Amino acid sequence: MATIKFLFILLSTTNILYVFCQFTNPSSYPLSPDASCGTEHNFYCPNYDCCSKNGFCGGTTAHCGKGCQTGYGTCSIPKDGLKSIETCKKKKTLAFSFDDGPRPWTYHALAALNKSSIKASFFVNGHNYIDFCIYDHAEILQQIYNDGHLIGAHTWSHVHLGSASPKEIDFQLDTLELAIKRILGVKLLYFRPPFGESVMNPYLRKALIRRGYKYIALWDVDTRDWATDLVTAMKGFPALISDKKPHVSLMHDRINTTVDSLLPFAIDTAKKLGYKFDTMAGCNGQPNKHDWYKVIGKPENRDYKTWHCNPNDIHNGTL
């Protein structure tokens, strides 16, 4: 107590006591509302995320490894068999990844990719918008699969898994898994959490392991097509890959301007920089498509009595 009082008398005019006290007990900080954290931002990471040395929450090795700010979140990645992937190992390789589909205009993305003989990665939802149900776009999903692209799970309705109950997490995984089994006859091994969050959530990790998932697929380049207009996204993309290092980029095939304009632009830009292209699996030493899935049957013909979505299955994470 004497030490604390002494510091208060000496340093209260500069608020250093406030910083010192919170530094020694950072868990008293409020939870981060925007993924900022640590001594600079005075926020604690939610969803079991790590606070990186640069003050941002996440679950990658960049967040949880060297420089992770102990006390502002988790600072280790569990050794439970799940492997997190956020970039490519192959030199000068770019892996395009797409979230939130399939959509009718996902065909446009496939056409642009096929034109340049590019294989990409698609992380699919089941029913994240009222007008778009995975069963209505089964043929698109089958083309993605048959064209040799990687398909990964992205939950049924794109909820925040950090605030979801165990029952909700099970629903999100199982309902999508059933749809994939019916449409493709396989079990997916790659999983991307909505918003890239909660990868350290103990229940989520156990739930993924029980279902046979092997990889948590993240990214290290965000085009921000989800947050900004097309022109801004296109202007910003060249700088994201100008270092010519391996990268995994994030786009969303639910956005028609992304597949019609941003993707072709990104392909041309990357080609000019000398990039090669691959799936997230391929650029991390897993080129064989048979290693991306577990075959558990054959694609089924649509049964209109059971192959459908309904408004009640779009949850907010509180099941």
Protein backbone atom coordinates (compact mmCIF):
# COMPACT_ATOMS: atom_id res chain seq x y z
CA MET A 1 0.00 0.00 0.00
CA ALA A 2 2.83 2.39 0.80
CA THR A 3 4.30 1.97 -2.68
CA ILE A 4 0.99 2.69 -4.32
CA LYS A 5 0.36 5.77 -2.23
CA PHE A 6 3.87 7.06 -2.96
CA LEU A 7 3.31 6.75 -6.69
CA PHE A 8 -0.03 8.46 -6.40
CA ILE A 9 1.47 11.45 -4.63
CA LEU A 10 4.30 11.76 -7.10
CA LEU A 11 2.61 10.95 -10.41
CA SER A 12 -1.13 11.57 -10.19
CA THR A 13 -0.91 14.76 -12.27
CA THR A 14 0.24 12.74 -15.27
CA ASN A 15 -2.18 9.86 -14.75
CA ILE A 16 0.69 7.39 -14.66
CA LEU A 17 -0.81 5.70 -11.61
CA TYR A 18 -3.91 4.88 -13.65
CA VAL A 19 -1.81 3.32 -16.37
CA PHE A 20 0.38 1.49 -13.86
CA CYS A 21 -2.53 0.02 -11.95
CA GLN A 22 -4.29 -1.18 -15.05
CA PHE A 23 -1.06 -2.57 -16.44
CA THR A 24 -0.58 -4.69 -13.34
CA ASN A 25 -4.19 -5.87 -13.55
CA PRO A 26 -5.12 -5.56 -17.24
CA SER A 27 -8.05 -7.94 -16.99
CA SER A 28 -9.92 -5.05 -15.38
CA TYR A 29 -9.93 -3.30 -18.75
CA PRO A 30 -13.19 -3.23 -20.72
CA LEU A 31 -13.57 -5.72 -23.54
CA SER A 32 -12.44 -4.43 -26.91
CA PRO A 33 -15.27 -3.23 -29.18
CA ASP A 34 -13.11 -3.00 -32.31
CA ALA A 35 -10.29 -5.60 -32.00
CA SER A 36 -7.83 -3.07 -30.56
CA CYS A 37 -6.16 -4.02 -27.27
CA GLY A 38 -3.19 -3.78 -24.96
CA THR A 39 -1.29 -1.00 -23.27
CA GLU A 40 -1.83 1.44 -26.13
CA HIS A 41 -5.60 1.01 -26.46
CA ASN A 42 -6.56 0.00 -22.91
CA PHE A 43 -8.80 -2.86 -24.05
CA TYR A 44 -8.91 -6.57 -23.25
CA CYS A 45 -9.52 -9.11 -26.05
CA PRO A 46 -12.87 -10.91 -26.02
CA ASN A 47 -13.60 -14.42 -27.31
CA TYR A 48 -10.38 -15.90 -25.90
CA ASP A 49 -8.37 -14.00 -28.53
CA CYS A 50 -4.72 -13.00 -28.14
CA CYS A 51 -3.50 -9.39 -28.04
CA SER A 52 -0.64 -8.93 -30.50
CA LYS A 53 2.44 -6.81 -29.89
CA ASN A 54 0.88 -4.20 -32.19
CA GLY A 55 -2.29 -4.05 -30.11
CA PHE A 56 -4.84 -6.04 -32.11
CA CYS A 57 -6.97 -9.03 -31.11
CA GLY A 58 -6.87 -12.28 -33.06
CA GLY A 59 -6.04 -15.95 -33.02
CA THR A 60 -3.11 -16.26 -35.44
CA THR A 61 0.54 -16.90 -34.64
CA ALA A 62 1.14 -13.20 -35.27
CA HIS A 63 -1.26 -12.41 -32.42
CA CYS A 64 -0.42 -15.24 -30.02
CA GLY A 65 3.31 -15.63 -30.65
CA LYS A 66 6.30 -13.42 -29.92
CA GLY A 67 5.33 -10.08 -28.38
CA CYS A 68 1.81 -11.15 -27.38
CA GLN A 69 0.66 -8.87 -24.57
CA THR A 70 0.17 -11.17 -21.60
CA GLY A 71 -2.89 -10.33 -19.55
CA TYR A 72 -4.81 -8.63 -22.35
CA GLY A 73 -6.09 -11.92 -23.70
CA THR A 74 -4.84 -15.42 -24.36
CA CYS A 75 -1.17 -15.78 -25.27
CA SER A 76 -0.87 -19.33 -26.51
CA ILE A 77 -2.39 -21.54 -29.19
CA PRO A 78 -3.73 -24.85 -27.85
CA LYS A 79 -1.87 -27.98 -28.95
CA ASP A 80 -5.02 -29.93 -29.64
CA GLY A 81 -4.42 -31.02 -33.22
CA LEU A 82 -6.24 -28.12 -34.90
CA LYS A 83 -3.90 -26.18 -37.14
CA SER A 84 -4.43 -22.49 -37.87
CA ILE A 85 -3.50 -21.25 -41.34
CA GLU A 86 -3.37 -17.56 -42.14
CA THR A 87 -0.92 -17.28 -45.03
CA CYS A 88 0.89 -19.34 -47.67
CA LYS A 89 4.21 -21.15 -47.34
CA LYS A 90 4.98 -21.26 -51.06
CA LYS A 91 7.04 -18.28 -52.16
CA LYS A 92 5.31 -15.51 -54.07
CA THR A 93 1.98 -17.35 -53.97
CA LEU A 94 -1.42 -15.74 -53.47
CA ALA A 95 -4.45 -17.70 -52.30
CA PHE A 96 -7.76 -16.02 -53.05
CA SER A 97 -10.40 -16.91 -50.48
CA PHE A 98 -14.11 -16.10 -50.57
CA ASP A 99 -16.64 -16.03 -47.74
CA ASP A 100 -20.43 -16.09 -47.33
CA GLY A 101 -21.51 -17.77 -50.56
CA PRO A 102 -22.71 -19.42 -52.60
CA ARG A 103 -24.67 -16.82 -54.52
CA PRO A 104 -25.95 -16.82 -58.12
CA TRP A 105 -23.05 -14.55 -59.10
CA THR A 106 -20.52 -16.97 -57.62
CA TYR A 107 -20.60 -18.37 -61.17
CA HIS A 108 -18.93 -15.12 -62.27
CA ALA A 109 -16.10 -15.70 -59.81
CA LEU A 110 -15.64 -19.24 -61.10
CA ALA A 111 -15.51 -17.97 -64.67
CA ALA A 112 -12.86 -15.37 -63.83
CA LEU A 113 -10.78 -17.92 -61.93
CA ASN A 114 -11.08 -20.59 -64.61
CA LYS A 115 -10.10 -18.10 -67.31
CA SER A 116 -6.72 -17.72 -65.61
CA SER A 117 -6.48 -21.37 -64.45
CA ILE A 118 -6.61 -20.27 -60.81
CA LYS A 119 -7.77 -22.47 -57.94
CA ALA A 120 -9.23 -20.62 -54.96
CA SER A 121 -10.86 -21.33 -51.59
CA PHE A 122 -14.55 -20.88 -50.77
CA PHE A 123 -15.90 -20.81 -47.21
CA VAL A 124 -19.62 -21.32 -47.41
CA ASN A 125 -22.66 -20.58 -45.26
CA GLY A 126 -25.98 -22.37 -45.33
CA HIS A 127 -28.47 -19.57 -44.76
CA ASN A 128 -26.96 -16.21 -43.81
CA TYR A 129 -29.54 -14.08 -45.65
CA ILE A 130 -33.26 -14.71 -45.90
CA ASP A 131 -33.25 -14.88 -49.72
CA PHE A 132 -30.23 -17.16 -50.14
CA CYS A 133 -30.30 -20.83 -49.13
CA ILE A 134 -27.46 -23.23 -49.87
CA TYR A 135 -29.91 -25.86 -51.13
CA ASP A 136 -31.11 -23.48 -53.84
CA HIS A 137 -27.53 -23.11 -55.06
CA ALA A 138 -26.43 -26.73 -54.78
CA GLU A 139 -25.29 -26.79 -58.41
CA ILE A 140 -22.96 -23.85 -57.80
CA LEU A 141 -21.41 -25.62 -54.82
CA GLN A 142 -20.98 -28.75 -56.91
CA GLN A 143 -19.24 -26.77 -59.64
CA ILE A 144 -16.87 -25.22 -57.10
CA TYR A 145 -16.03 -28.73 -55.94
CA ASN A 146 -15.73 -30.25 -59.42
CA ASP A 147 -13.57 -27.37 -60.66
CA GLY A 148 -10.98 -28.25 -58.01
CA HIS A 149 -11.38 -25.34 -55.65
CA LEU A 150 -11.16 -25.80 -51.89
CA ILE A 151 -14.45 -25.67 -49.96
CA GLY A 152 -14.49 -24.97 -46.24
CA ALA A 153 -17.20 -24.47 -43.62
CA HIS A 154 -18.21 -20.99 -42.45
CA THR A 155 -21.17 -21.98 -40.20
CA TRP A 156 -24.84 -22.15 -41.12
CA SER A 157 -25.92 -18.54 -40.58
CA HIS A 158 -22.74 -16.55 -39.82
CA VAL A 159 -23.18 -15.88 -36.10
CA HIS A 160 -20.67 -14.47 -33.62
CA LEU A 161 -19.36 -17.69 -32.12
CA GLY A 162 -17.77 -15.91 -29.17
CA SER A 163 -21.17 -15.10 -27.71
CA ALA A 164 -22.90 -18.25 -28.95
CA SER A 165 -24.01 -20.97 -26.56
CA PRO A 166 -22.68 -24.53 -26.93
CA LYS A 167 -26.09 -25.51 -28.30
CA GLU A 168 -25.87 -22.76 -30.93
CA ILE A 169 -22.35 -23.74 -31.93
CA ASP A 170 -23.48 -27.33 -32.42
CA PHE A 171 -26.43 -26.17 -34.53
CA GLN A 172 -24.22 -23.95 -36.71
CA LEU A 173 -21.80 -26.79 -37.42
CA ASP A 174 -24.24 -29.68 -37.74
CA THR A 175 -26.83 -27.98 -39.95
CA LEU A 176 -24.22 -26.92 -42.49
CA GLU A 177 -22.52 -30.30 -42.27
CA LEU A 178 -25.76 -32.06 -43.18
CA ALA A 179 -26.24 -29.81 -46.22
CA ILE A 180 -22.68 -30.45 -47.42
CA LYS A 181 -23.15 -34.20 -47.01
CA ARG A 182 -26.34 -34.11 -49.07
CA ILE A 183 -24.96 -31.88 -51.82
CA LEU A 184 -21.38 -33.16 -52.12
CA GLY A 185 -21.20 -36.43 -50.21
CA VAL A 186 -18.20 -35.27 -48.19
CA LYS A 187 -17.23 -33.97 -44.78
CA LEU A 188 -15.25 -30.71 -44.82
CA LEU A 189 -11.91 -30.53 -43.02
CA TYR A 190 -11.33 -26.76 -43.26
CA PHE A 191 -13.23 -24.27 -41.11
CA ARG A 192 -13.27 -20.48 -41.13
CA PRO A 193 -15.05 -18.80 -38.19
CA PRO A 194 -17.31 -15.85 -39.03
CA PHE A 195 -15.47 -12.55 -38.61
CA GLY A 196 -12.28 -14.58 -38.05
CA GLU A 197 -12.99 -14.54 -34.33
CA SER A 198 -13.22 -17.00 -31.43
CA VAL A 199 -10.63 -19.42 -32.79
CA MET A 200 -9.39 -19.90 -29.22
CA ASN A 201 -12.84 -20.67 -27.81
CA PRO A 202 -12.38 -24.01 -25.96
CA TYR A 203 -15.86 -25.33 -26.70
CA LEU A 204 -15.64 -24.40 -30.38
CA ARG A 205 -12.28 -26.12 -30.76
CA LYS A 206 -13.54 -29.28 -29.08
CA ALA A 207 -16.67 -29.21 -31.25
CA LEU A 208 -14.55 -28.92 -34.41
CA ILE A 209 -12.25 -31.75 -33.36
CA ARG A 210 -15.20 -34.02 -32.57
CA ARG A 211 -16.49 -33.45 -36.09
CA GLY A 212 -13.18 -34.21 -37.73
CA TYR A 213 -12.03 -30.72 -38.74
CA LYS A 214 -8.27 -30.37 -39.14
CA TYR A 215 -7.67 -26.74 -40.09
CA ILE A 216 -8.84 -23.29 -39.03
CA ALA A 217 -8.43 -21.12 -42.11
CA LEU A 218 -7.85 -17.40 -41.61
CA TRP A 219 -6.17 -14.76 -43.79
CA ASP A 220 -3.48 -12.09 -43.70
CA VAL A 221 -4.76 -9.72 -46.41
CA ASP A 222 -8.22 -8.19 -46.08
CA THR A 223 -9.54 -6.42 -49.17
CA ARG A 224 -12.28 -4.89 -46.97
CA ASP A 225 -14.78 -5.36 -49.77
CA TRP A 226 -17.31 -5.93 -46.97
CA ALA A 227 -16.65 -2.52 -45.38
CA THR A 228 -15.97 -0.11 -48.21
CA ASP A 229 -16.98 0.72 -51.76
CA LEU A 230 -15.56 -0.95 -54.85
CA VAL A 231 -13.34 1.96 -55.89
CA THR A 232 -11.70 2.15 -52.47
CA ALA A 233 -11.16 -1.61 -52.35
CA MET A 234 -9.55 -1.58 -55.79
CA LYS A 235 -7.30 1.36 -54.93
CA GLY A 236 -6.14 -0.33 -51.75
CA PHE A 237 -5.47 -3.81 -53.09
CA PRO A 238 -2.08 -3.25 -54.83
CA ALA A 239 -0.49 -2.05 -51.60
CA LEU A 240 -1.67 -5.16 -49.77
CA ILE A 241 0.46 -7.46 -51.92
CA SER A 242 3.21 -5.08 -53.05
CA ASP A 243 5.72 -6.84 -50.76
CA LYS A 244 5.47 -9.87 -53.07
CA LYS A 245 5.34 -12.17 -50.05
CA PRO A 246 2.97 -15.15 -49.82
CA HIS A 247 -0.55 -14.14 -48.79
CA VAL A 248 -4.11 -15.33 -48.27
CA SER A 249 -6.58 -12.64 -49.31
CA LEU A 250 -10.13 -12.25 -48.03
CA MET A 251 -13.03 -11.41 -50.36
CA HIS A 252 -16.77 -12.12 -50.27
CA ASP A 253 -18.58 -13.75 -53.17
CA ARG A 254 -21.89 -12.60 -51.66
CA ILE A 255 -20.95 -9.16 -53.07
CA ASN A 256 -21.58 -9.00 -56.81
CA THR A 257 -19.17 -6.11 -57.42
CA THR A 258 -16.41 -8.17 -55.81
CA VAL A 259 -16.73 -11.07 -58.24
CA ASP A 260 -17.47 -8.88 -61.28
CA SER A 261 -14.84 -6.17 -60.77
CA LEU A 262 -12.56 -6.53 -57.75
CA LEU A 263 -11.55 -10.12 -58.46
CA PRO A 264 -10.52 -9.58 -62.12
CA PHE A 265 -8.59 -6.48 -61.03
CA ALA A 266 -6.89 -8.41 -58.22
CA ILE A 267 -5.92 -11.21 -60.61
CA ASP A 268 -4.36 -8.78 -63.08
CA THR A 269 -2.56 -6.88 -60.32
CA ALA A 270 -1.11 -10.04 -58.80
CA LYS A 271 0.00 -11.36 -62.18
CA LYS A 272 1.89 -8.13 -62.89
CA LEU A 273 3.72 -8.58 -59.58
CA GLY A 274 4.70 -12.10 -60.57
CA TYR A 275 2.45 -14.00 -58.22
CA LYS A 276 1.42 -17.60 -58.65
CA PHE A 277 -1.95 -18.80 -57.37
CA ASP A 278 -3.17 -21.73 -55.32
CA THR A 279 -5.77 -22.82 -52.79
CA MET A 280 -5.08 -22.34 -49.09
CA ALA A 281 -4.45 -26.06 -48.87
CA GLY A 282 -2.20 -26.20 -51.92
CA CYS A 283 -0.04 -23.26 -50.91
CA ASN A 284 0.54 -24.91 -47.53
CA GLY A 285 1.83 -28.21 -48.83
CA GLN A 286 -1.44 -30.06 -49.42
CA PRO A 287 -1.98 -30.09 -53.20
CA ASN A 288 -4.07 -33.29 -53.37
CA LYS A 289 -7.80 -32.55 -53.37
CA HIS A 290 -8.45 -35.90 -51.70
CA ASP A 291 -6.76 -34.57 -48.55
CA TRP A 292 -9.17 -31.64 -48.27
CA TYR A 293 -12.29 -33.69 -47.51
CA LYS A 294 -13.46 -36.96 -46.07
CA VAL A 295 -15.74 -38.79 -48.50
CA ILE A 296 -18.76 -40.15 -46.61
CA GLY A 297 -21.18 -40.89 -49.43
CA LYS A 298 -22.34 -39.67 -52.81
CA PRO A 299 -24.13 -36.46 -53.82
CA GLU A 300 -27.86 -36.91 -53.40
CA ASN A 301 -30.74 -35.79 -55.57
CA ARG A 302 -32.67 -32.92 -54.07
CA ASP A 303 -35.53 -33.85 -51.80
CA TYR A 304 -37.73 -30.76 -51.70
CA LYS A 305 -39.31 -31.88 -48.42
CA THR A 306 -36.04 -31.68 -46.50
CA TRP A 307 -33.66 -29.70 -48.70
CA HIS A 308 -34.82 -26.25 -47.71
CA CYS A 309 -34.14 -23.33 -45.38
CA ASN A 310 -36.62 -21.40 -43.28
CA PRO A 311 -36.56 -17.97 -41.61
CA ASN A 312 -36.29 -19.53 -38.16
CA ASP A 313 -32.90 -21.10 -38.86
CA ILE A 314 -31.18 -17.72 -39.25
CA HIS A 315 -30.07 -17.39 -35.64
CA ASN A 316 -28.46 -14.54 -33.74
CA GLY A 317 -26.30 -16.88 -31.70
CA THR A 318 -28.62 -17.31 -28.72
CA LEU A 319 -30.12 -20.74 -29.37
